Amino acid sequence: MLRVLAHPAYRRLFTAQVLALLGTGLATVALGLLAYDLAGADAGTVLGTALTIKMLAYVGVSPLVGALAGRLPRRAFLASASALRAVCALGLPLVGELWQVYLLILLLQTGSAAFTPVFQATIPDVLTDERDYTRALSLSRLAYDLESLASPLVAAALLTVVGHDALFLGTGTGFLAASVLVLLTRLPRSRSDSEAGRAGAALGIGPFLTTPRLRALLAMNLAVASATAVVLVDTVVIVRDLLGRDPSAVALALGAFGAGSMVVALLLPGALDRVADRAVMLPAGFVLALGLAVAALTLSVTTGAVAWAGVLACWFVLGAGTSLVLTPTGRLLRGSAAPGGLPALFAAQFALSHACFLLTYPLAGWLGARAGQPFSLGVFALLALAAAGAATALWRTRVPARAAWPGQRPGSDTG
């Protein structure tokens, strides 16, 4: 997998991604501490509002980015978006009112909504070989998983010697470094620079409504959002209240989810050399439904060490199932894009997938609090099962890609 880093342009871009992810992780910890300073016991409400603002920015801004990205110089666009995030992060420790926090969060997440889909659409232009691109997708997935594990540890180490305001300095530094690395990278001309790309750039959401495999991806996004919402929203309640474990067990449970995702990210490139995306992604939805169902049953009929072991195993399975869907998604989008339409398609996927999170995050919190965690897990298992079934019904046949990458085997199935 690491051989793809021998490509100089991709190596710089991947380093920029890692630095930006580390900055984002530090900001997550720092924002929680800042919210507590400003709101005390109401810090949870502040963070909930900030998370909602984040999702609204992602859903609202990404399609607009997809429409504009092909008309602007890509390197300058990416560098500017990352610089905007840096300025906002550096400004957060200077504010003293909640509305100022919300405004800076909105601007920061707008920068993320502009940067991420355009960055994702840039990688296929840099890595034109199918196998290299597949390995880059797995490496990217691995970077996200490592960030979720490493950032809290780095933040904890820094907090032993500095205050939490200094974490925002680390965040801003990470974003600025990413901006500089992008500026230093020579990017190939994108297909979206063509007139055809400009004319079709605003239609990124359209193919999701008309192309069967992309409609199936919409359903799989809902399955992923169901599992992810349970893990991110309800883990602390399940571990602390239902199982009576200490705070370190929360980190261990989240680590099990990340470990499942990492294992798949490491093993999947070899598998995707031999099998089609469809054969990997469709079963993953049922894996997510099964993991949620077993977790609901485990919490309903077992207690103590048995329940704890069951939760860890189920969280590992949920992480694996999530990675089975997310890792090949870039290949699916690349193979489904019309000439010049890749940035818009990545932007649409970014917005639509986060629209699913906008639904499942509050639902997970509300159901868990009012109906209990086993019932909530059961509901999300049914939701994931329905999504997986819909995806299977929508993606029945193997359709050749409309825009194959150089070197693709004749007649190979990408969608």
Protein backbone atom coordinates (compact mmCIF):
# COMPACT_ATOMS: atom_id res chain seq x y z
CA MET A 1 0.00 0.00 0.00
CA LEU A 2 2.80 2.42 0.92
CA ARG A 3 4.36 2.20 -2.54
CA VAL A 4 1.87 4.79 -3.74
CA LEU A 5 3.75 7.35 -1.60
CA ALA A 6 6.61 7.10 -4.06
CA HIS A 7 4.57 9.43 -6.29
CA PRO A 8 5.88 12.92 -5.32
CA ALA A 9 2.66 14.87 -5.90
CA TYR A 10 0.51 12.35 -4.05
CA ARG A 11 3.03 12.17 -1.20
CA ARG A 12 2.69 15.92 -0.63
CA LEU A 13 -1.09 15.78 -0.86
CA PHE A 14 -1.30 12.85 1.55
CA THR A 15 0.97 14.66 4.01
CA ALA A 16 -1.30 17.70 3.73
CA GLN A 17 -4.30 15.48 4.46
CA VAL A 18 -2.65 13.96 7.54
CA LEU A 19 -1.69 17.39 8.92
CA ALA A 20 -5.20 18.71 8.35
CA LEU A 21 -6.72 15.65 10.05
CA LEU A 22 -4.44 16.05 13.05
CA GLY A 23 -5.46 19.71 13.27
CA THR A 24 -9.13 18.73 13.12
CA GLY A 25 -8.66 16.21 15.92
CA LEU A 26 -6.97 18.76 18.15
CA ALA A 27 -9.78 21.23 17.44
CA THR A 28 -12.37 18.66 18.54
CA VAL A 29 -10.77 18.33 21.97
CA ALA A 30 -10.12 22.06 22.30
CA LEU A 31 -13.66 22.99 21.30
CA GLY A 32 -15.12 20.78 24.01
CA LEU A 33 -12.95 22.46 26.64
CA LEU A 34 -13.75 25.92 25.28
CA ALA A 35 -17.48 25.12 25.39
CA TYR A 36 -17.13 24.11 29.03
CA ASP A 37 -15.34 27.37 29.84
CA LEU A 38 -18.11 29.42 28.22
CA ALA A 39 -21.20 27.41 29.15
CA GLY A 40 -20.30 25.13 32.06
CA ALA A 41 -22.95 22.43 32.49
CA ASP A 42 -24.56 23.48 29.20
CA ALA A 43 -21.43 22.59 27.24
CA GLY A 44 -23.21 19.59 25.70
CA THR A 45 -25.82 21.88 24.21
CA VAL A 46 -23.09 24.10 22.77
CA LEU A 47 -21.32 21.12 21.20
CA GLY A 48 -24.60 19.77 19.84
CA THR A 49 -25.30 23.12 18.21
CA ALA A 50 -21.76 23.26 16.80
CA LEU A 51 -22.18 19.75 15.35
CA THR A 52 -25.47 20.74 13.73
CA ILE A 53 -23.84 23.84 12.23
CA LYS A 54 -21.06 21.60 10.89
CA MET A 55 -23.50 19.27 9.16
CA LEU A 56 -25.59 22.12 7.76
CA ALA A 57 -22.44 23.69 6.31
CA TYR A 58 -21.44 20.38 4.75
CA VAL A 59 -24.87 19.76 3.23
CA GLY A 60 -25.41 23.32 2.03
CA VAL A 61 -21.96 24.30 0.82
CA SER A 62 -20.67 21.15 -0.90
CA PRO A 63 -23.06 21.22 -3.91
CA LEU A 64 -22.16 24.88 -4.51
CA VAL A 65 -18.49 23.94 -4.37
CA GLY A 66 -19.11 21.24 -6.94
CA ALA A 67 -20.64 23.81 -9.27
CA LEU A 68 -17.78 26.29 -8.87
CA ALA A 69 -14.71 24.06 -8.53
CA GLY A 70 -14.26 23.54 -12.25
CA ARG A 71 -14.24 27.29 -12.89
CA LEU A 72 -11.47 28.17 -10.40
CA PRO A 73 -7.73 27.36 -10.24
CA ARG A 74 -7.74 24.16 -8.22
CA ARG A 75 -4.45 24.61 -6.34
CA ALA A 76 -5.32 28.16 -5.25
CA PHE A 77 -8.84 27.06 -4.33
CA LEU A 78 -7.61 24.25 -2.06
CA ALA A 79 -4.93 26.43 -0.45
CA SER A 80 -7.43 29.24 0.21
CA ALA A 81 -9.98 26.88 1.76
CA SER A 82 -7.35 25.43 4.11
CA ALA A 83 -6.10 28.93 5.00
CA LEU A 84 -9.67 29.96 5.89
CA ARG A 85 -9.86 27.03 8.30
CA ALA A 86 -6.55 28.08 9.84
CA VAL A 87 -7.70 31.68 10.43
CA CYS A 88 -10.93 30.52 12.06
CA ALA A 89 -9.13 28.03 14.32
CA LEU A 90 -6.65 30.67 15.45
CA GLY A 91 -9.54 33.02 16.20
CA LEU A 92 -11.49 30.61 18.43
CA PRO A 93 -9.45 31.11 21.63
CA LEU A 94 -9.93 34.88 21.28
CA VAL A 95 -13.74 34.86 21.46
CA GLY A 96 -15.81 35.37 24.58
CA GLU A 97 -19.40 34.92 23.36
CA LEU A 98 -21.20 31.82 22.13
CA TRP A 99 -22.47 33.50 18.97
CA GLN A 100 -18.86 34.26 18.05
CA VAL A 101 -17.99 30.57 18.51
CA TYR A 102 -20.89 29.54 16.28
CA LEU A 103 -19.89 32.04 13.58
CA LEU A 104 -16.28 30.84 13.51
CA ILE A 105 -17.42 27.21 13.47
CA LEU A 106 -19.66 27.98 10.51
CA LEU A 107 -16.79 29.61 8.61
CA LEU A 108 -14.34 26.85 9.55
CA GLN A 109 -16.71 24.10 8.43
CA THR A 110 -17.48 26.02 5.26
CA GLY A 111 -13.77 25.84 4.53
CA SER A 112 -13.82 22.10 5.19
CA ALA A 113 -16.87 21.63 2.96
CA ALA A 114 -15.00 23.48 0.20
CA PHE A 115 -11.66 21.71 0.69
CA THR A 116 -12.57 18.06 1.20
CA PRO A 117 -14.58 17.12 -1.94
CA VAL A 118 -12.25 19.07 -4.26
CA PHE A 119 -9.24 17.42 -2.61
CA GLN A 120 -10.86 13.99 -3.02
CA ALA A 121 -11.57 14.69 -6.70
CA THR A 122 -7.95 15.77 -7.24
CA ILE A 123 -6.43 12.42 -6.27
CA PRO A 124 -7.79 10.50 -9.31
CA ASP A 125 -6.18 13.09 -11.59
CA VAL A 126 -2.84 12.63 -9.80
CA LEU A 127 -2.99 8.81 -9.67
CA THR A 128 -4.29 7.61 -13.03
CA ASP A 129 -3.44 3.94 -12.44
CA GLU A 130 -6.35 1.91 -11.05
CA ARG A 131 -4.29 -0.04 -8.52
CA ASP A 132 -2.48 3.04 -7.26
CA TYR A 133 -5.77 4.87 -6.79
CA THR A 134 -7.27 1.90 -4.91
CA ARG A 135 -4.32 1.89 -2.54
CA ALA A 136 -4.58 5.64 -2.08
CA LEU A 137 -8.23 5.22 -1.03
CA SER A 138 -7.25 2.63 1.56
CA LEU A 139 -4.40 4.82 2.79
CA SER A 140 -6.81 7.73 3.13
CA ARG A 141 -9.26 5.57 5.11
CA LEU A 142 -6.37 4.48 7.33
CA ALA A 143 -5.39 8.11 7.90
CA TYR A 144 -8.91 8.93 9.10
CA ASP A 145 -8.88 5.97 11.49
CA LEU A 146 -5.43 6.79 12.85
CA GLU A 147 -6.49 10.41 13.34
CA SER A 148 -9.44 9.34 15.47
CA LEU A 149 -7.07 7.35 17.67
CA ALA A 150 -3.98 9.56 17.66
CA SER A 151 -5.43 13.07 17.99
CA PRO A 152 -6.89 12.57 21.49
CA LEU A 153 -3.57 11.10 22.65
CA VAL A 154 -1.61 14.03 21.20
CA ALA A 155 -4.07 16.48 22.74
CA ALA A 156 -3.80 14.77 26.14
CA ALA A 157 -0.01 14.96 26.00
CA LEU A 158 -0.06 18.63 25.04
CA LEU A 159 -2.54 19.49 27.79
CA THR A 160 -0.03 18.32 30.40
CA VAL A 161 2.23 21.24 29.49
CA VAL A 162 -0.05 23.88 27.87
CA GLY A 163 -3.59 25.17 28.18
CA HIS A 164 -6.36 24.13 25.83
CA ASP A 165 -6.10 27.43 23.93
CA ALA A 166 -2.75 26.22 22.62
CA LEU A 167 -4.49 23.30 20.93
CA PHE A 168 -6.14 25.78 18.56
CA LEU A 169 -2.64 26.97 17.68
CA GLY A 170 -1.79 23.39 16.72
CA THR A 171 -4.98 23.22 14.66
CA GLY A 172 -4.18 26.42 12.81
CA THR A 173 -0.61 25.29 12.20
CA GLY A 174 -1.82 22.01 10.72
CA PHE A 175 -4.21 23.77 8.34
CA LEU A 176 -1.58 26.33 7.29
CA ALA A 177 0.98 23.58 6.66
CA ALA A 178 -1.56 21.74 4.52
CA SER A 179 -2.17 24.93 2.56
CA VAL A 180 1.56 25.39 1.91
CA LEU A 181 2.01 21.78 0.80
CA VAL A 182 -0.85 22.11 -1.70
CA LEU A 183 0.73 25.28 -3.11
CA LEU A 184 4.03 23.43 -3.52
CA THR A 185 2.42 20.57 -5.42
CA ARG A 186 2.21 20.60 -9.19
CA LEU A 187 -1.28 19.36 -10.02
CA PRO A 188 -2.26 17.96 -13.42
CA ARG A 189 -4.94 19.70 -15.41
CA SER A 190 -8.35 18.47 -14.36
CA ARG A 191 -10.88 17.19 -16.83
CA SER A 192 -13.29 19.58 -15.14
CA ASP A 193 -11.39 22.48 -16.69
CA SER A 194 -13.08 21.70 -19.99
CA GLU A 195 -16.18 23.48 -21.19
CA ALA A 196 -18.14 20.25 -20.85
CA GLY A 197 -17.07 20.02 -17.24
CA ARG A 198 -18.10 23.60 -16.59
CA ALA A 199 -21.49 23.06 -18.15
CA GLY A 200 -22.15 19.93 -16.10
CA ALA A 201 -20.48 20.85 -12.84
CA ALA A 202 -23.68 21.98 -11.18
CA LEU A 203 -25.34 18.62 -11.87
CA GLY A 204 -23.44 16.57 -9.31
CA ILE A 205 -26.59 15.51 -7.46
CA GLY A 206 -28.39 14.61 -10.69
CA PRO A 207 -26.51 11.34 -11.34
CA PHE A 208 -27.38 10.14 -7.83
CA LEU A 209 -31.03 10.30 -8.80
CA THR A 210 -30.70 8.60 -12.19
CA THR A 211 -27.75 6.16 -12.01
CA PRO A 212 -28.67 2.84 -10.30
CA ARG A 213 -25.29 2.25 -8.63
CA LEU A 214 -25.23 5.81 -7.28
CA ARG A 215 -28.79 5.50 -6.02
CA ALA A 216 -27.56 2.35 -4.28
CA LEU A 217 -24.70 4.39 -2.82
CA LEU A 218 -27.27 6.79 -1.36
CA ALA A 219 -28.88 3.87 0.46
CA MET A 220 -25.49 2.61 1.66
CA ASN A 221 -24.72 6.09 2.99
CA LEU A 222 -27.77 5.71 5.23
CA ALA A 223 -26.55 2.31 6.48
CA VAL A 224 -23.13 3.79 7.29
CA ALA A 225 -24.73 6.79 9.00
CA SER A 226 -26.88 4.46 11.12
CA ALA A 227 -23.89 2.54 12.45
CA THR A 228 -21.68 5.61 12.87
CA ALA A 229 -24.34 7.57 14.75
CA VAL A 230 -24.79 4.75 17.26
CA VAL A 231 -21.05 4.53 17.84
CA LEU A 232 -20.34 8.26 18.12
CA VAL A 233 -23.48 9.32 19.99
CA ASP A 234 -24.34 6.37 22.22
CA THR A 235 -21.04 4.68 23.08
CA VAL A 236 -20.45 6.81 26.17
CA VAL A 237 -23.95 6.07 27.51
CA ILE A 238 -23.73 2.34 26.78
CA VAL A 239 -20.29 1.97 28.35
CA ARG A 240 -20.71 4.25 31.35
CA ASP A 241 -24.40 3.84 32.28
CA LEU A 242 -25.44 0.39 31.04
CA LEU A 243 -22.17 -1.46 31.58
CA GLY A 244 -20.80 0.62 34.47
CA ARG A 245 -17.31 0.88 32.99
CA ASP A 246 -14.77 3.63 33.66
CA PRO A 247 -14.00 6.48 31.20
CA SER A 248 -11.04 4.64 29.68
CA ALA A 249 -13.43 1.94 28.49
CA VAL A 250 -15.15 4.52 26.29
CA ALA A 251 -11.89 5.09 24.47
CA LEU A 252 -11.39 1.32 24.20
CA ALA A 253 -14.83 0.86 22.61
CA LEU A 254 -14.20 3.65 20.12
CA GLY A 255 -10.80 2.11 19.48
CA ALA A 256 -12.47 -1.22 18.63
CA PHE A 257 -14.56 0.56 15.99
CA GLY A 258 -11.45 2.23 14.57
CA ALA A 259 -9.52 -1.04 14.63
CA GLY A 260 -12.19 -2.80 12.56
CA SER A 261 -12.04 -0.03 10.01
CA MET A 262 -8.24 -0.08 9.91
CA VAL A 263 -8.04 -3.84 9.37
CA VAL A 264 -10.34 -3.60 6.37
CA ALA A 265 -8.45 -0.60 4.99
CA LEU A 266 -5.22 -2.62 5.13
CA LEU A 267 -6.64 -5.78 3.53
CA LEU A 268 -9.06 -4.34 0.98
CA PRO A 269 -6.67 -3.14 -1.80
CA GLY A 270 -5.64 -6.71 -2.61
CA ALA A 271 -9.25 -7.85 -2.65
CA LEU A 272 -10.34 -5.03 -4.95
CA ASP A 273 -7.70 -6.12 -7.46
CA ARG A 274 -9.69 -9.36 -7.86
CA VAL A 275 -13.34 -8.52 -7.19
CA ALA A 276 -15.71 -5.75 -8.21
CA ASP A 277 -16.73 -2.87 -5.93
CA ARG A 278 -20.30 -4.16 -6.00
CA ALA A 279 -19.30 -7.52 -4.51
CA VAL A 280 -17.63 -5.74 -1.58
CA MET A 281 -20.02 -2.87 -0.91
CA LEU A 282 -23.44 -4.53 -1.06
CA PRO A 283 -22.75 -7.22 1.57
CA ALA A 284 -21.28 -4.53 3.84
CA GLY A 285 -24.72 -3.02 4.43
CA PHE A 286 -25.97 -6.34 5.79
CA VAL A 287 -22.83 -6.63 7.93
CA LEU A 288 -23.71 -3.28 9.52
CA ALA A 289 -27.31 -4.37 10.13
CA LEU A 290 -26.11 -7.64 11.69
CA GLY A 291 -23.62 -5.86 13.94
CA LEU A 292 -26.30 -3.50 15.24
CA ALA A 293 -28.80 -6.34 15.77
CA VAL A 294 -26.32 -8.47 17.70
CA ALA A 295 -25.40 -5.46 19.84
CA ALA A 296 -29.09 -4.89 20.65
CA LEU A 297 -29.51 -8.56 21.59
CA THR A 298 -26.30 -8.56 23.63
CA LEU A 299 -27.37 -5.59 25.75
CA SER A 300 -30.85 -7.09 26.19
CA VAL A 301 -29.90 -10.55 27.46
CA THR A 302 -26.38 -10.31 28.90
CA THR A 303 -24.57 -8.28 31.55
CA GLY A 304 -21.10 -7.75 32.95
CA ALA A 305 -18.03 -9.05 31.16
CA VAL A 306 -20.06 -10.93 28.55
CA ALA A 307 -21.94 -7.78 27.52
CA TRP A 308 -18.72 -5.79 27.46
CA ALA A 309 -16.98 -8.33 25.23
CA GLY A 310 -20.05 -8.39 22.97
CA VAL A 311 -20.03 -4.62 22.57
CA LEU A 312 -16.33 -4.61 21.69
CA ALA A 313 -16.87 -7.34 19.09
CA CYS A 314 -19.90 -5.60 17.59
CA TRP A 315 -18.10 -2.25 17.43
CA PHE A 316 -15.21 -3.96 15.62
CA VAL A 317 -17.68 -5.41 13.10
CA LEU A 318 -19.36 -2.01 12.63
CA GLY A 319 -15.98 -0.41 11.94
CA ALA A 320 -15.16 -3.11 9.40
CA GLY A 321 -18.54 -2.77 7.67
CA THR A 322 -18.21 0.99 7.50
CA SER A 323 -14.78 0.74 5.87
CA LEU A 324 -16.08 -1.85 3.37
CA VAL A 325 -18.50 0.81 2.10
CA LEU A 326 -16.39 3.95 2.39
CA THR A 327 -13.07 2.73 1.01
CA PRO A 328 -14.31 1.75 -2.50
CA THR A 329 -16.64 4.76 -2.77
CA GLY A 330 -14.01 6.87 -4.56
CA ARG A 331 -13.59 4.16 -7.20
CA LEU A 332 -17.35 4.00 -7.67
CA LEU A 333 -17.60 7.76 -8.14
CA ARG A 334 -14.63 7.84 -10.48
CA GLY A 335 -16.15 5.13 -12.63
CA SER A 336 -19.53 6.87 -12.72
CA ALA A 337 -18.43 10.40 -13.59
CA ALA A 338 -19.02 11.94 -16.99
CA PRO A 339 -16.04 13.83 -18.46
CA GLY A 340 -15.39 16.87 -16.29
CA GLY A 341 -17.98 15.91 -13.69
CA LEU A 342 -15.81 14.30 -11.01
CA PRO A 343 -15.49 17.30 -8.64
CA ALA A 344 -19.25 17.83 -8.71
CA LEU A 345 -19.86 14.14 -8.07
CA PHE A 346 -17.51 14.08 -5.06
CA ALA A 347 -19.16 17.25 -3.74
CA ALA A 348 -22.61 15.71 -4.11
CA GLN A 349 -21.52 12.54 -2.29
CA PHE A 350 -20.02 14.66 0.49
CA ALA A 351 -23.26 16.60 0.92
CA LEU A 352 -25.66 13.68 0.62
CA SER A 353 -23.72 11.42 2.98
CA HIS A 354 -23.64 14.15 5.61
CA ALA A 355 -27.36 14.74 5.13
CA CYS A 356 -27.78 11.16 6.37
CA PHE A 357 -25.73 12.02 9.46
CA LEU A 358 -27.93 15.06 10.01
CA LEU A 359 -30.81 12.59 10.34
CA THR A 360 -29.16 9.81 12.34
CA TYR A 361 -27.16 11.84 14.89
CA PRO A 362 -30.16 13.45 16.61
CA LEU A 363 -32.25 10.29 16.19
CA ALA A 364 -29.62 8.20 17.99
CA GLY A 365 -29.54 10.63 20.90
CA TRP A 366 -33.32 10.94 21.15
CA LEU A 367 -34.12 7.22 20.88
CA GLY A 368 -31.38 6.19 23.28
CA ALA A 369 -32.51 8.67 25.93
CA ARG A 370 -36.24 7.95 25.68
CA ALA A 371 -36.55 4.30 24.65
CA GLY A 372 -33.31 2.79 25.93
CA GLN A 373 -30.17 1.71 24.14
CA PRO A 374 -31.24 -1.85 23.16
CA PHE A 375 -34.38 -0.51 21.51
CA SER A 376 -32.40 2.24 19.77
CA LEU A 377 -29.89 -0.30 18.47
CA GLY A 378 -32.75 -2.45 17.18
CA VAL A 379 -34.29 0.48 15.31
CA PHE A 380 -30.97 1.35 13.69
CA ALA A 381 -30.43 -2.32 12.78
CA LEU A 382 -33.76 -2.27 10.92
CA LEU A 383 -32.84 1.04 9.27
CA ALA A 384 -29.49 -0.36 8.10
CA LEU A 385 -31.18 -3.56 6.91
CA ALA A 386 -33.73 -1.58 4.90
CA ALA A 387 -30.95 0.55 3.40
CA ALA A 388 -28.90 -2.54 2.50
CA GLY A 389 -31.95 -4.17 0.91
CA ALA A 390 -32.71 -1.04 -1.09
CA ALA A 391 -29.12 -0.84 -2.30
CA THR A 392 -29.21 -4.47 -3.43
CA ALA A 393 -32.48 -3.95 -5.29
CA LEU A 394 -31.18 -0.80 -6.99
CA TRP A 395 -27.79 -2.22 -7.99
CA ARG A 396 -28.87 -5.48 -9.59
CA THR A 397 -26.70 -5.65 -12.68
CA ARG A 398 -23.06 -5.09 -13.40
CA VAL A 399 -22.85 -2.00 -15.55
CA PRO A 400 -19.53 -0.98 -17.16
CA ALA A 401 -18.18 2.35 -15.98
CA ARG A 402 -18.91 5.35 -18.13
CA ALA A 403 -15.47 6.87 -17.55
CA ALA A 404 -12.83 4.19 -17.18
CA TRP A 405 -9.36 5.02 -15.93
CA PRO A 406 -6.28 4.29 -18.03
CA GLY A 407 -5.22 0.67 -17.85
CA GLN A 408 -8.60 -0.66 -16.71
CA ARG A 409 -9.22 -4.22 -17.85
CA PRO A 410 -11.68 -4.44 -20.74
CA GLY A 411 -15.15 -5.18 -19.48
CA SER A 412 -14.16 -4.92 -15.81
CA ASP A 413 -16.96 -4.03 -13.47
CA THR A 414 -16.68 -0.87 -11.42
CA GLY A 415 -20.31 -0.24 -10.89
